[in-house]
Amino acid sequence: MGRRAPRRLTNALAAAMGRAAPQTPLAAVQSAWPEAVGPAIAAEATPVSERDGVVTVACRSATWAHELDLMGDRITAQLRDRLPEGTPLEGFRFTATGN
């Protein structure tokens, strides 16, 4: 009997992570966030909570919170394009954490 070739670990990990990830609107936004907003914004702001479709994003400074608030409609549209069908996303609340 022939020996099967080893499977790639990345395939097994991707399948396991997909099953282990929480199926919440916040988890969906957190997963899509870096691709939707780009690395510069993702380094400065992180989605931290969600309530009734409004996602709170913690920003490193008040300046970032203000700038992202001005870009809120664009960010919402970019994320909606990347979220699973039916994920509620009404908008964002940007807060400054000072970190």
C-alpha atoms as a PDB file:
ATOM      1  CA  MET A   1       0.000   0.000   0.000  1.00  0.00           C
ATOM      2  CA  GLY A   2       1.420   3.349  -1.045  1.00  0.00           C
ATOM      3  CA  ARG A   3       2.055   6.112   1.360  1.00  0.00           C
ATOM      4  CA  ARG A   4       0.026   9.293   0.957  1.00  0.00           C
ATOM      5  CA  ALA A   5       1.854  12.546   0.457  1.00  0.00           C
ATOM      6  CA  PRO A   6       1.863  14.867   3.449  1.00  0.00           C
ATOM      7  CA  ARG A   7      -0.768  17.578   3.470  1.00  0.00           C
ATOM      8  CA  ARG A   8       0.108  21.217   3.826  1.00  0.00           C
ATOM      9  CA  LEU A   9      -0.229  22.499   7.363  1.00  0.00           C
ATOM     10  CA  THR A  10      -1.596  25.829   6.125  1.00  0.00           C
ATOM     11  CA  ASN A  11      -4.643  24.092   4.626  1.00  0.00           C
ATOM     12  CA  ALA A  12      -5.391  22.264   7.867  1.00  0.00           C
ATOM     13  CA  LEU A  13      -4.890  25.417   9.948  1.00  0.00           C
ATOM     14  CA  ALA A  14      -7.109  27.510   7.676  1.00  0.00           C
ATOM     15  CA  ALA A  15      -9.919  24.964   7.987  1.00  0.00           C
ATOM     16  CA  ALA A  16      -9.538  24.780  11.776  1.00  0.00           C
ATOM     17  CA  MET A  17      -9.409  28.567  12.181  1.00  0.00           C
ATOM     18  CA  GLY A  18     -12.534  28.967  10.073  1.00  0.00           C
ATOM     19  CA  ARG A  19     -14.415  26.637  12.391  1.00  0.00           C
ATOM     20  CA  ALA A  20     -12.949  28.164  15.565  1.00  0.00           C
ATOM     21  CA  ALA A  21     -13.555  31.824  14.731  1.00  0.00           C
ATOM     22  CA  PRO A  22     -16.555  33.359  16.490  1.00  0.00           C
ATOM     23  CA  GLN A  23     -19.473  33.968  14.142  1.00  0.00           C
ATOM     24  CA  THR A  24     -20.338  37.481  15.329  1.00  0.00           C
ATOM     25  CA  PRO A  25     -20.614  40.784  13.461  1.00  0.00           C
ATOM     26  CA  LEU A  26     -17.589  42.088  15.397  1.00  0.00           C
ATOM     27  CA  ALA A  27     -15.483  39.067  14.420  1.00  0.00           C
ATOM     28  CA  ALA A  28     -16.459  39.545  10.777  1.00  0.00           C
ATOM     29  CA  VAL A  29     -15.491  43.237  10.890  1.00  0.00           C
ATOM     30  CA  GLN A  30     -12.212  42.493  12.689  1.00  0.00           C
ATOM     31  CA  SER A  31     -11.333  39.895  10.069  1.00  0.00           C
ATOM     32  CA  ALA A  32     -12.062  42.203   7.117  1.00  0.00           C
ATOM     33  CA  TRP A  33     -10.706  45.414   8.709  1.00  0.00           C
ATOM     34  CA  PRO A  34      -7.024  45.330   7.603  1.00  0.00           C
ATOM     35  CA  GLU A  35      -7.864  44.639   3.961  1.00  0.00           C
ATOM     36  CA  ALA A  36     -10.724  47.159   3.891  1.00  0.00           C
ATOM     37  CA  VAL A  37      -8.866  50.101   5.443  1.00  0.00           C
ATOM     38  CA  GLY A  38      -5.258  49.323   4.545  1.00  0.00           C
ATOM     39  CA  PRO A  39      -2.187  48.816   6.720  1.00  0.00           C
ATOM     40  CA  ALA A  40      -1.709  52.456   7.798  1.00  0.00           C
ATOM     41  CA  ILE A  41      -5.202  52.787   9.281  1.00  0.00           C
ATOM     42  CA  ALA A  42      -5.212  49.226  10.636  1.00  0.00           C
ATOM     43  CA  ALA A  43      -2.030  50.055  12.585  1.00  0.00           C
ATOM     44  CA  GLU A  44      -3.724  53.062  14.211  1.00  0.00           C
ATOM     45  CA  ALA A  45      -7.288  51.842  14.766  1.00  0.00           C
ATOM     46  CA  THR A  46      -8.879  48.555  15.856  1.00  0.00           C
ATOM     47  CA  PRO A  47     -12.542  47.487  16.003  1.00  0.00           C
ATOM     48  CA  VAL A  48     -13.189  46.565  19.658  1.00  0.00           C
ATOM     49  CA  SER A  49     -16.934  46.182  20.134  1.00  0.00           C
ATOM     50  CA  GLU A  50     -20.275  46.107  18.315  1.00  0.00           C
ATOM     51  CA  ARG A  51     -23.815  46.910  19.379  1.00  0.00           C
ATOM     52  CA  ASP A  52     -26.877  46.999  17.148  1.00  0.00           C
ATOM     53  CA  GLY A  53     -24.700  47.130  14.024  1.00  0.00           C
ATOM     54  CA  VAL A  54     -22.563  50.053  15.230  1.00  0.00           C
ATOM     55  CA  VAL A  55     -18.908  49.100  15.613  1.00  0.00           C
ATOM     56  CA  THR A  56     -16.715  50.961  18.094  1.00  0.00           C
ATOM     57  CA  VAL A  57     -13.187  51.467  16.824  1.00  0.00           C
ATOM     58  CA  ALA A  58     -10.384  52.324  19.258  1.00  0.00           C
ATOM     59  CA  CYS A  59      -7.935  54.812  17.736  1.00  0.00           C
ATOM     60  CA  ARG A  60      -4.469  55.716  19.011  1.00  0.00           C
ATOM     61  CA  SER A  61      -5.268  59.429  19.099  1.00  0.00           C
ATOM     62  CA  ALA A  62      -8.121  61.906  18.915  1.00  0.00           C
ATOM     63  CA  THR A  63      -6.735  63.045  15.571  1.00  0.00           C
ATOM     64  CA  TRP A  64      -7.106  59.559  14.109  1.00  0.00           C
ATOM     65  CA  ALA A  65     -10.596  59.225  15.611  1.00  0.00           C
ATOM     66  CA  HIS A  66     -11.642  62.509  14.013  1.00  0.00           C
ATOM     67  CA  GLU A  67     -10.138  61.680  10.608  1.00  0.00           C
ATOM     68  CA  LEU A  68     -11.736  58.245  10.534  1.00  0.00           C
ATOM     69  CA  ASP A  69     -15.068  59.721  11.612  1.00  0.00           C
ATOM     70  CA  LEU A  70     -14.887  61.962   8.532  1.00  0.00           C
ATOM     71  CA  MET A  71     -14.169  58.866   6.413  1.00  0.00           C
ATOM     72  CA  GLY A  72     -16.897  56.794   8.105  1.00  0.00           C
ATOM     73  CA  ASP A  73     -19.198  56.429   5.084  1.00  0.00           C
ATOM     74  CA  ARG A  74     -16.329  55.306   2.864  1.00  0.00           C
ATOM     75  CA  ILE A  75     -15.040  52.837   5.443  1.00  0.00           C
ATOM     76  CA  THR A  76     -18.554  51.447   5.919  1.00  0.00           C
ATOM     77  CA  ALA A  77     -18.916  50.890   2.159  1.00  0.00           C
ATOM     78  CA  GLN A  78     -15.484  49.251   1.898  1.00  0.00           C
ATOM     79  CA  LEU A  79     -16.268  46.865   4.745  1.00  0.00           C
ATOM     80  CA  ARG A  80     -19.743  45.968   3.511  1.00  0.00           C
ATOM     81  CA  ASP A  81     -18.131  44.773   0.271  1.00  0.00           C
ATOM     82  CA  ARG A  82     -15.955  42.355   2.282  1.00  0.00           C
ATOM     83  CA  LEU A  83     -18.392  41.121   4.943  1.00  0.00           C
ATOM     84  CA  PRO A  84     -20.443  37.937   4.685  1.00  0.00           C
ATOM     85  CA  GLU A  85     -23.959  38.419   3.354  1.00  0.00           C
ATOM     86  CA  GLY A  86     -26.351  39.534   6.082  1.00  0.00           C
ATOM     87  CA  THR A  87     -23.728  40.886   8.501  1.00  0.00           C
ATOM     88  CA  PRO A  88     -25.318  43.924  10.164  1.00  0.00           C
ATOM     89  CA  LEU A  89     -23.207  47.058   9.816  1.00  0.00           C
ATOM     90  CA  GLU A  90     -24.894  50.382  10.449  1.00  0.00           C
ATOM     91  CA  GLY A  91     -21.784  52.470  10.970  1.00  0.00           C
ATOM     92  CA  PHE A  92     -18.908  53.265  13.295  1.00  0.00           C
ATOM     93  CA  ARG A  93     -18.103  55.089  16.501  1.00  0.00           C
ATOM     94  CA  PHE A  94     -14.455  56.129  16.679  1.00  0.00           C
ATOM     95  CA  THR A  95     -12.880  56.715  20.075  1.00  0.00           C
ATOM     96  CA  ALA A  96      -9.406  57.810  21.159  1.00  0.00           C
ATOM     97  CA  THR A  97      -7.579  55.443  23.509  1.00  0.00           C
ATOM     98  CA  GLY A  98      -4.275  57.295  23.698  1.00  0.00           C
ATOM     99  CA  ASN A  99      -2.249  54.104  23.246  1.00  0.00           C
END
